[in-house]
């Protein structure tokens, strides 16, 4: 029998008690939680209070509710695949990225868009500057894991190159086109985790309370000028990214401040 302190929202106290039982190992990953009736008897609270506590833990991603079966402690996620973020350049001048072997789930979507408060600083452009946008949805044939890839190509970068007529060029071929235009490409990448937007949750087929692994890659050219922005979004509980770090090209590191 567990006694609860009454001040404060009661359902939060019940959620905290269940959370503690999960983290202590009393309720193990993959096991079924006690029924609503059992939780009511254990904590001496009403059914609505128990249901609100379960809803809160579901939002946190600690439990999964399967209608008709009950509530389960969510298993700790293990990444089922690694997305290689390395870029290689072959002797013939072609580039390769870590998405070789992935299959397109649907045809790429090409559209015109503009820089925003988030993308403008990364591309060293003002807001509302014209961009080509290309969205691709890839699926790993071995695991069924999906990743969403977006290219944002400034009009200024595409001007005078074949990219102006073919903005949906594969990113590896874009790197080669930029090199042909006189650039020596270099890259900066940022990785964050966040909760998904509704369309991301649908496209990536994400379970409840699953974070998105969001990486942003900026391609730099001459004078370190940003030329291209790519975004990759994947399920945080199914995929992880890998980066190859070498000492071949020492560089001065400076702190990044927001």
C-alpha atoms as a PDB file:
ATOM      1  CA  UNK A   1       0.000   0.000   0.000  1.00  0.00           C
ATOM      2  CA  UNK A   2       1.406   3.394  -1.025  1.00  0.00           C
ATOM      3  CA  UNK A   3       0.402   6.578   0.766  1.00  0.00           C
ATOM      4  CA  UNK A   4       0.217   9.822  -1.201  1.00  0.00           C
ATOM      5  CA  UNK A   5       0.610  13.357   0.054  1.00  0.00           C
ATOM      6  CA  UNK A   6      -2.620  15.171  -0.726  1.00  0.00           C
ATOM      7  CA  UNK A   7      -1.474  18.765  -1.542  1.00  0.00           C
ATOM      8  CA  UNK A   8      -1.048  19.421  -5.263  1.00  0.00           C
ATOM      9  CA  UNK A   9      -2.558  17.717  -8.302  1.00  0.00           C
ATOM     10  CA  UNK A  10      -3.301  14.169  -7.177  1.00  0.00           C
ATOM     11  CA  UNK A  11      -2.876  12.582 -10.609  1.00  0.00           C
ATOM     12  CA  UNK A  12       0.685  13.998 -10.775  1.00  0.00           C
ATOM     13  CA  UNK A  13       1.467  12.297  -7.481  1.00  0.00           C
ATOM     14  CA  UNK A  14       0.108   9.002  -8.769  1.00  0.00           C
ATOM     15  CA  UNK A  15       2.132   9.425 -11.983  1.00  0.00           C
ATOM     16  CA  UNK A  16       5.250  10.130  -9.899  1.00  0.00           C
ATOM     17  CA  UNK A  17       4.665   7.022  -7.779  1.00  0.00           C
ATOM     18  CA  UNK A  18       4.226   4.811 -10.860  1.00  0.00           C
ATOM     19  CA  UNK A  19       7.265   6.432 -12.467  1.00  0.00           C
ATOM     20  CA  UNK A  20       9.312   5.594  -9.392  1.00  0.00           C
ATOM     21  CA  UNK A  21       8.095   1.994  -9.527  1.00  0.00           C
ATOM     22  CA  UNK A  22       9.220   1.815 -13.160  1.00  0.00           C
ATOM     23  CA  UNK A  23      12.657   3.357 -12.597  1.00  0.00           C
ATOM     24  CA  UNK A  24      13.264   1.176  -9.515  1.00  0.00           C
ATOM     25  CA  UNK A  25      12.557  -1.969 -11.521  1.00  0.00           C
ATOM     26  CA  UNK A  26       9.341  -2.973  -9.754  1.00  0.00           C
ATOM     27  CA  UNK A  27       7.550  -2.603 -13.087  1.00  0.00           C
ATOM     28  CA  UNK A  28      10.029  -3.899 -15.665  1.00  0.00           C
ATOM     29  CA  UNK A  29      10.238  -2.860 -19.335  1.00  0.00           C
ATOM     30  CA  UNK A  30       7.767  -4.829 -21.405  1.00  0.00           C
ATOM     31  CA  UNK A  31       5.631  -5.835 -18.417  1.00  0.00           C
ATOM     32  CA  UNK A  32       1.961  -5.043 -17.962  1.00  0.00           C
ATOM     33  CA  UNK A  33       1.065  -2.326 -15.487  1.00  0.00           C
ATOM     34  CA  UNK A  34      -1.477  -3.202 -12.783  1.00  0.00           C
ATOM     35  CA  UNK A  35      -5.052  -2.691 -13.897  1.00  0.00           C
ATOM     36  CA  UNK A  36      -6.935   0.525 -13.193  1.00  0.00           C
ATOM     37  CA  UNK A  37      -8.762  -1.212 -10.347  1.00  0.00           C
ATOM     38  CA  UNK A  38      -5.503  -2.413  -8.819  1.00  0.00           C
ATOM     39  CA  UNK A  39      -3.971   1.070  -9.084  1.00  0.00           C
ATOM     40  CA  UNK A  40      -7.094   2.596  -7.479  1.00  0.00           C
ATOM     41  CA  UNK A  41      -6.736   0.199  -4.546  1.00  0.00           C
ATOM     42  CA  UNK A  42      -2.975   0.718  -4.314  1.00  0.00           C
ATOM     43  CA  UNK A  43      -3.067   4.518  -4.207  1.00  0.00           C
ATOM     44  CA  UNK A  44      -6.581   5.051  -2.765  1.00  0.00           C
ATOM     45  CA  UNK A  45      -7.653   7.411  -5.521  1.00  0.00           C
ATOM     46  CA  UNK A  46     -10.492   7.663  -8.024  1.00  0.00           C
ATOM     47  CA  UNK A  47     -10.594   6.134 -11.482  1.00  0.00           C
ATOM     48  CA  UNK A  48     -10.317   9.535 -13.253  1.00  0.00           C
ATOM     49  CA  UNK A  49      -7.170  10.274 -11.225  1.00  0.00           C
ATOM     50  CA  UNK A  50      -5.596   6.968 -12.300  1.00  0.00           C
ATOM     51  CA  UNK A  51      -6.541   7.578 -15.926  1.00  0.00           C
ATOM     52  CA  UNK A  52      -5.019  11.071 -15.860  1.00  0.00           C
ATOM     53  CA  UNK A  53      -1.821   9.659 -14.351  1.00  0.00           C
ATOM     54  CA  UNK A  54      -1.630   6.982 -17.058  1.00  0.00           C
ATOM     55  CA  UNK A  55      -2.222   9.635 -19.738  1.00  0.00           C
ATOM     56  CA  UNK A  56       0.635  11.738 -18.326  1.00  0.00           C
ATOM     57  CA  UNK A  57       3.042   8.771 -18.333  1.00  0.00           C
ATOM     58  CA  UNK A  58       1.985   7.898 -21.852  1.00  0.00           C
ATOM     59  CA  UNK A  59       2.818  11.434 -22.964  1.00  0.00           C
ATOM     60  CA  UNK A  60       6.249  11.047 -21.364  1.00  0.00           C
ATOM     61  CA  UNK A  61       6.811   7.859 -23.345  1.00  0.00           C
ATOM     62  CA  UNK A  62       7.170   5.653 -20.252  1.00  0.00           C
ATOM     63  CA  UNK A  63       4.164   3.497 -21.002  1.00  0.00           C
ATOM     64  CA  UNK A  64       2.243   2.335 -24.029  1.00  0.00           C
ATOM     65  CA  UNK A  65      -1.497   1.779 -23.970  1.00  0.00           C
ATOM     66  CA  UNK A  66      -2.864  -0.990 -26.181  1.00  0.00           C
ATOM     67  CA  UNK A  67      -6.627  -0.790 -26.353  1.00  0.00           C
ATOM     68  CA  UNK A  68      -8.292  -3.951 -25.166  1.00  0.00           C
ATOM     69  CA  UNK A  69      -5.091  -5.268 -23.591  1.00  0.00           C
ATOM     70  CA  UNK A  70      -3.927  -2.717 -21.057  1.00  0.00           C
ATOM     71  CA  UNK A  71      -0.954  -0.497 -20.289  1.00  0.00           C
ATOM     72  CA  UNK A  72       2.607  -1.711 -20.762  1.00  0.00           C
ATOM     73  CA  UNK A  73       5.910  -0.366 -19.523  1.00  0.00           C
ATOM     74  CA  UNK A  74       7.684   0.750 -22.622  1.00  0.00           C
ATOM     75  CA  UNK A  75      10.883  -1.119 -23.402  1.00  0.00           C
ATOM     76  CA  UNK A  76      14.052   0.912 -23.536  1.00  0.00           C
ATOM     77  CA  UNK A  77      14.661   1.644 -27.213  1.00  0.00           C
ATOM     78  CA  UNK A  78      17.583   0.137 -29.051  1.00  0.00           C
ATOM     79  CA  UNK A  79      18.573   1.662 -32.370  1.00  0.00           C
ATOM     80  CA  UNK A  80      17.960  -0.858 -35.129  1.00  0.00           C
ATOM     81  CA  UNK A  81      20.222   0.848 -37.645  1.00  0.00           C
ATOM     82  CA  UNK A  82      22.953   3.425 -37.951  1.00  0.00           C
ATOM     83  CA  UNK A  83      22.778   6.231 -40.499  1.00  0.00           C
ATOM     84  CA  UNK A  84      26.288   6.891 -41.769  1.00  0.00           C
ATOM     85  CA  UNK A  85      26.748  10.649 -42.148  1.00  0.00           C
ATOM     86  CA  UNK A  86      30.176  10.405 -43.737  1.00  0.00           C
ATOM     87  CA  UNK A  87      30.851  12.030 -47.119  1.00  0.00           C
ATOM     88  CA  UNK A  88      33.422  10.418 -49.382  1.00  0.00           C
ATOM     89  CA  UNK A  89      34.924  11.571 -52.648  1.00  0.00           C
ATOM     90  CA  UNK A  90      35.950   8.933 -55.157  1.00  0.00           C
ATOM     91  CA  UNK A  91      38.964   9.106 -57.447  1.00  0.00           C
ATOM     92  CA  UNK A  92      36.727   9.923 -60.425  1.00  0.00           C
ATOM     93  CA  UNK A  93      35.398  13.037 -58.673  1.00  0.00           C
ATOM     94  CA  UNK A  94      32.023  11.629 -57.660  1.00  0.00           C
ATOM     95  CA  UNK A  95      30.741  11.923 -54.117  1.00  0.00           C
ATOM     96  CA  UNK A  96      28.944   9.390 -51.946  1.00  0.00           C
ATOM     97  CA  UNK A  97      26.809   9.887 -48.833  1.00  0.00           C
ATOM     98  CA  UNK A  98      25.525   7.477 -46.217  1.00  0.00           C
ATOM     99  CA  UNK A  99      22.107   7.085 -47.860  1.00  0.00           C
ATOM    100  CA  UNK A 100      23.350   4.689 -50.526  1.00  0.00           C
ATOM    101  CA  UNK A 101      21.240   1.538 -50.340  1.00  0.00           C
ATOM    102  CA  UNK A 102      18.161   3.299 -49.008  1.00  0.00           C
ATOM    103  CA  UNK A 103      15.049   3.178 -51.198  1.00  0.00           C
ATOM    104  CA  UNK A 104      12.755   6.076 -52.053  1.00  0.00           C
ATOM    105  CA  UNK A 105       9.319   5.479 -50.533  1.00  0.00           C
ATOM    106  CA  UNK A 106       7.778   7.952 -52.988  1.00  0.00           C
ATOM    107  CA  UNK A 107       8.800  10.345 -55.733  1.00  0.00           C
ATOM    108  CA  UNK A 108      10.681  13.484 -54.571  1.00  0.00           C
ATOM    109  CA  UNK A 109       8.611  16.632 -54.058  1.00  0.00           C
ATOM    110  CA  UNK A 110      10.110  19.772 -55.624  1.00  0.00           C
ATOM    111  CA  UNK A 111       8.826  23.224 -54.716  1.00  0.00           C
ATOM    112  CA  UNK A 112       9.812  26.853 -54.276  1.00  0.00           C
ATOM    113  CA  UNK A 113      10.088  28.278 -50.779  1.00  0.00           C
ATOM    114  CA  UNK A 114      12.054  30.924 -48.868  1.00  0.00           C
ATOM    115  CA  UNK A 115      14.388  31.313 -45.924  1.00  0.00           C
ATOM    116  CA  UNK A 116      12.911  31.527 -42.439  1.00  0.00           C
ATOM    117  CA  UNK A 117      14.129  32.747 -39.075  1.00  0.00           C
ATOM    118  CA  UNK A 118      15.709  29.302 -38.586  1.00  0.00           C
ATOM    119  CA  UNK A 119      17.254  28.706 -42.005  1.00  0.00           C
ATOM    120  CA  UNK A 120      18.338  32.243 -42.963  1.00  0.00           C
ATOM    121  CA  UNK A 121      21.237  32.447 -40.449  1.00  0.00           C
ATOM    122  CA  UNK A 122      22.488  28.986 -41.441  1.00  0.00           C
ATOM    123  CA  UNK A 123      22.621  30.051 -45.084  1.00  0.00           C
ATOM    124  CA  UNK A 124      23.935  33.559 -44.281  1.00  0.00           C
ATOM    125  CA  UNK A 125      20.938  35.050 -46.097  1.00  0.00           C
ATOM    126  CA  UNK A 126      18.168  37.454 -45.200  1.00  0.00           C
ATOM    127  CA  UNK A 127      14.716  36.130 -44.407  1.00  0.00           C
ATOM    128  CA  UNK A 128      12.374  35.485 -47.352  1.00  0.00           C
ATOM    129  CA  UNK A 129      15.239  34.806 -49.788  1.00  0.00           C
ATOM    130  CA  UNK A 130      14.164  32.433 -52.577  1.00  0.00           C
ATOM    131  CA  UNK A 131      14.996  28.748 -52.269  1.00  0.00           C
ATOM    132  CA  UNK A 132      14.331  25.519 -54.098  1.00  0.00           C
ATOM    133  CA  UNK A 133      13.016  22.836 -51.750  1.00  0.00           C
ATOM    134  CA  UNK A 134      13.235  19.108 -52.412  1.00  0.00           C
ATOM    135  CA  UNK A 135      11.689  16.580 -50.017  1.00  0.00           C
ATOM    136  CA  UNK A 136      12.526  12.885 -50.158  1.00  0.00           C
ATOM    137  CA  UNK A 137      11.255  10.037 -47.994  1.00  0.00           C
ATOM    138  CA  UNK A 138      13.622   7.078 -47.749  1.00  0.00           C
ATOM    139  CA  UNK A 139      13.048   3.628 -46.280  1.00  0.00           C
ATOM    140  CA  UNK A 140      15.660   1.135 -45.166  1.00  0.00           C
ATOM    141  CA  UNK A 141      14.737  -2.122 -46.956  1.00  0.00           C
ATOM    142  CA  UNK A 142      16.143  -4.311 -44.165  1.00  0.00           C
ATOM    143  CA  UNK A 143      14.291  -2.754 -41.199  1.00  0.00           C
ATOM    144  CA  UNK A 144      11.532  -0.627 -42.717  1.00  0.00           C
ATOM    145  CA  UNK A 145      12.852   2.417 -40.867  1.00  0.00           C
ATOM    146  CA  UNK A 146      12.017   5.706 -42.558  1.00  0.00           C
ATOM    147  CA  UNK A 147      14.007   8.917 -42.788  1.00  0.00           C
ATOM    148  CA  UNK A 148      12.876  12.219 -44.264  1.00  0.00           C
ATOM    149  CA  UNK A 149      15.455  14.228 -46.199  1.00  0.00           C
ATOM    150  CA  UNK A 150      15.089  17.844 -47.298  1.00  0.00           C
ATOM    151  CA  UNK A 151      17.323  19.964 -49.524  1.00  0.00           C
ATOM    152  CA  UNK A 152      17.079  23.756 -49.403  1.00  0.00           C
ATOM    153  CA  UNK A 153      18.976  25.206 -52.338  1.00  0.00           C
ATOM    154  CA  UNK A 154      19.270  29.019 -52.614  1.00  0.00           C
ATOM    155  CA  UNK A 155      18.512  30.486 -56.031  1.00  0.00           C
ATOM    156  CA  UNK A 156      21.835  32.301 -55.758  1.00  0.00           C
ATOM    157  CA  UNK A 157      23.670  28.962 -55.478  1.00  0.00           C
ATOM    158  CA  UNK A 158      21.813  27.384 -58.385  1.00  0.00           C
ATOM    159  CA  UNK A 159      22.182  30.374 -60.708  1.00  0.00           C
ATOM    160  CA  UNK A 160      24.507  29.672 -63.627  1.00  0.00           C
ATOM    161  CA  UNK A 161      24.664  25.936 -62.948  1.00  0.00           C
ATOM    162  CA  UNK A 162      22.687  22.901 -64.068  1.00  0.00           C
ATOM    163  CA  UNK A 163      21.019  22.953 -60.649  1.00  0.00           C
ATOM    164  CA  UNK A 164      18.828  25.864 -61.742  1.00  0.00           C
ATOM    165  CA  UNK A 165      17.010  23.499 -64.119  1.00  0.00           C
ATOM    166  CA  UNK A 166      17.404  20.397 -61.975  1.00  0.00           C
ATOM    167  CA  UNK A 167      17.116  21.332 -58.284  1.00  0.00           C
ATOM    168  CA  UNK A 168      16.056  17.744 -57.530  1.00  0.00           C
ATOM    169  CA  UNK A 169      19.587  16.548 -58.307  1.00  0.00           C
ATOM    170  CA  UNK A 170      20.799  13.978 -55.768  1.00  0.00           C
ATOM    171  CA  UNK A 171      22.828  15.654 -52.961  1.00  0.00           C
ATOM    172  CA  UNK A 172      25.988  13.712 -53.859  1.00  0.00           C
ATOM    173  CA  UNK A 173      25.712  15.015 -57.424  1.00  0.00           C
ATOM    174  CA  UNK A 174      25.065  18.534 -56.097  1.00  0.00           C
ATOM    175  CA  UNK A 175      28.429  18.417 -54.309  1.00  0.00           C
ATOM    176  CA  UNK A 176      30.105  17.464 -57.580  1.00  0.00           C
ATOM    177  CA  UNK A 177      28.287  20.268 -59.427  1.00  0.00           C
ATOM    178  CA  UNK A 178      29.442  22.793 -56.840  1.00  0.00           C
ATOM    179  CA  UNK A 179      33.010  21.565 -57.224  1.00  0.00           C
ATOM    180  CA  UNK A 180      32.710  21.898 -60.990  1.00  0.00           C
ATOM    181  CA  UNK A 181      31.614  25.505 -60.413  1.00  0.00           C
ATOM    182  CA  UNK A 182      34.903  26.201 -58.637  1.00  0.00           C
ATOM    183  CA  UNK A 183      34.107  25.411 -55.017  1.00  0.00           C
ATOM    184  CA  UNK A 184      35.896  23.085 -52.637  1.00  0.00           C
ATOM    185  CA  UNK A 185      32.980  21.863 -50.506  1.00  0.00           C
ATOM    186  CA  UNK A 186      33.217  21.559 -46.750  1.00  0.00           C
ATOM    187  CA  UNK A 187      30.427  20.739 -44.324  1.00  0.00           C
ATOM    188  CA  UNK A 188      29.084  21.650 -40.906  1.00  0.00           C
ATOM    189  CA  UNK A 189      26.450  19.478 -39.270  1.00  0.00           C
ATOM    190  CA  UNK A 190      24.193  20.038 -36.263  1.00  0.00           C
ATOM    191  CA  UNK A 191      22.240  17.288 -34.468  1.00  0.00           C
ATOM    192  CA  UNK A 192      19.302  17.827 -32.137  1.00  0.00           C
ATOM    193  CA  UNK A 193      16.370  15.861 -30.728  1.00  0.00           C
ATOM    194  CA  UNK A 194      12.835  17.206 -30.460  1.00  0.00           C
ATOM    195  CA  UNK A 195       9.247  16.047 -30.464  1.00  0.00           C
ATOM    196  CA  UNK A 196       7.790  15.540 -33.956  1.00  0.00           C
ATOM    197  CA  UNK A 197       5.326  17.702 -35.804  1.00  0.00           C
ATOM    198  CA  UNK A 198       2.104  15.898 -36.800  1.00  0.00           C
ATOM    199  CA  UNK A 199       3.166  15.436 -40.438  1.00  0.00           C
ATOM    200  CA  UNK A 200       6.563  14.076 -39.345  1.00  0.00           C
ATOM    201  CA  UNK A 201       4.920  11.591 -37.017  1.00  0.00           C
ATOM    202  CA  UNK A 202       2.754  10.331 -39.879  1.00  0.00           C
ATOM    203  CA  UNK A 203       5.493  10.216 -42.526  1.00  0.00           C
ATOM    204  CA  UNK A 204       8.014   8.500 -40.245  1.00  0.00           C
ATOM    205  CA  UNK A 205       5.381   6.221 -38.667  1.00  0.00           C
ATOM    206  CA  UNK A 206       6.431   7.164 -35.142  1.00  0.00           C
ATOM    207  CA  UNK A 207       4.942   5.610 -31.986  1.00  0.00           C
ATOM    208  CA  UNK A 208       3.518   7.824 -29.264  1.00  0.00           C
ATOM    209  CA  UNK A 209       5.954  10.095 -27.401  1.00  0.00           C
ATOM    210  CA  UNK A 210       8.865   9.320 -29.720  1.00  0.00           C
ATOM    211  CA  UNK A 211      11.397  12.056 -30.405  1.00  0.00           C
ATOM    212  CA  UNK A 212      12.751  12.938 -33.823  1.00  0.00           C
ATOM    213  CA  UNK A 213      16.485  12.884 -34.432  1.00  0.00           C
ATOM    214  CA  UNK A 214      16.996  16.020 -36.523  1.00  0.00           C
ATOM    215  CA  UNK A 215      20.298  16.754 -38.254  1.00  0.00           C
ATOM    216  CA  UNK A 216      21.056  19.859 -40.284  1.00  0.00           C
ATOM    217  CA  UNK A 217      23.983  19.852 -42.722  1.00  0.00           C
ATOM    218  CA  UNK A 218      25.312  23.041 -44.291  1.00  0.00           C
ATOM    219  CA  UNK A 219      27.560  22.801 -47.349  1.00  0.00           C
ATOM    220  CA  UNK A 220      30.155  25.581 -47.551  1.00  0.00           C
ATOM    221  CA  UNK A 221      32.051  26.718 -50.632  1.00  0.00           C
ATOM    222  CA  UNK A 222      34.615  29.365 -51.446  1.00  0.00           C
ATOM    223  CA  UNK A 223      35.403  31.683 -48.501  1.00  0.00           C
ATOM    224  CA  UNK A 224      33.342  29.348 -46.306  1.00  0.00           C
ATOM    225  CA  UNK A 225      30.145  30.743 -47.844  1.00  0.00           C
ATOM    226  CA  UNK A 226      27.053  28.565 -47.161  1.00  0.00           C
ATOM    227  CA  UNK A 227      25.709  27.119 -50.408  1.00  0.00           C
ATOM    228  CA  UNK A 228      23.232  24.434 -49.453  1.00  0.00           C
ATOM    229  CA  UNK A 229      21.237  23.250 -46.462  1.00  0.00           C
ATOM    230  CA  UNK A 230      20.070  19.676 -45.888  1.00  0.00           C
ATOM    231  CA  UNK A 231      17.847  18.303 -43.148  1.00  0.00           C
ATOM    232  CA  UNK A 232      17.529  14.667 -42.117  1.00  0.00           C
ATOM    233  CA  UNK A 233      14.815  13.523 -39.725  1.00  0.00           C
ATOM    234  CA  UNK A 234      14.588  10.020 -38.292  1.00  0.00           C
ATOM    235  CA  UNK A 235      12.926   8.155 -35.456  1.00  0.00           C
ATOM    236  CA  UNK A 236      14.858   8.750 -32.253  1.00  0.00           C
ATOM    237  CA  UNK A 237      14.181   5.230 -30.966  1.00  0.00           C
ATOM    238  CA  UNK A 238      15.089   3.373 -34.167  1.00  0.00           C
ATOM    239  CA  UNK A 239      17.980   5.247 -35.739  1.00  0.00           C
ATOM    240  CA  UNK A 240      21.266   6.767 -34.686  1.00  0.00           C
ATOM    241  CA  UNK A 241      23.781   8.760 -36.691  1.00  0.00           C
ATOM    242  CA  UNK A 242      27.491   8.008 -37.012  1.00  0.00           C
ATOM    243  CA  UNK A 243      30.262  10.464 -37.836  1.00  0.00           C
ATOM    244  CA  UNK A 244      33.838   9.689 -38.809  1.00  0.00           C
ATOM    245  CA  UNK A 245      36.277  11.978 -37.005  1.00  0.00           C
ATOM    246  CA  UNK A 246      39.847  12.276 -38.238  1.00  0.00           C
ATOM    247  CA  UNK A 247      42.881  14.507 -37.662  1.00  0.00           C
ATOM    248  CA  UNK A 248      43.696  14.832 -41.355  1.00  0.00           C
ATOM    249  CA  UNK A 249      42.666  18.480 -41.553  1.00  0.00           C
ATOM    250  CA  UNK A 250      43.462  20.348 -38.333  1.00  0.00           C
ATOM    251  CA  UNK A 251      41.435  23.487 -37.878  1.00  0.00           C
ATOM    252  CA  UNK A 252      41.036  26.232 -35.310  1.00  0.00           C
ATOM    253  CA  UNK A 253      37.933  25.602 -33.225  1.00  0.00           C
ATOM    254  CA  UNK A 254      35.877  28.518 -31.998  1.00  0.00           C
ATOM    255  CA  UNK A 255      32.922  28.414 -29.619  1.00  0.00           C
ATOM    256  CA  UNK A 256      29.449  28.610 -31.146  1.00  0.00           C
ATOM    257  CA  UNK A 257      27.097  30.970 -29.355  1.00  0.00           C
ATOM    258  CA  UNK A 258      23.422  31.380 -30.041  1.00  0.00           C
END
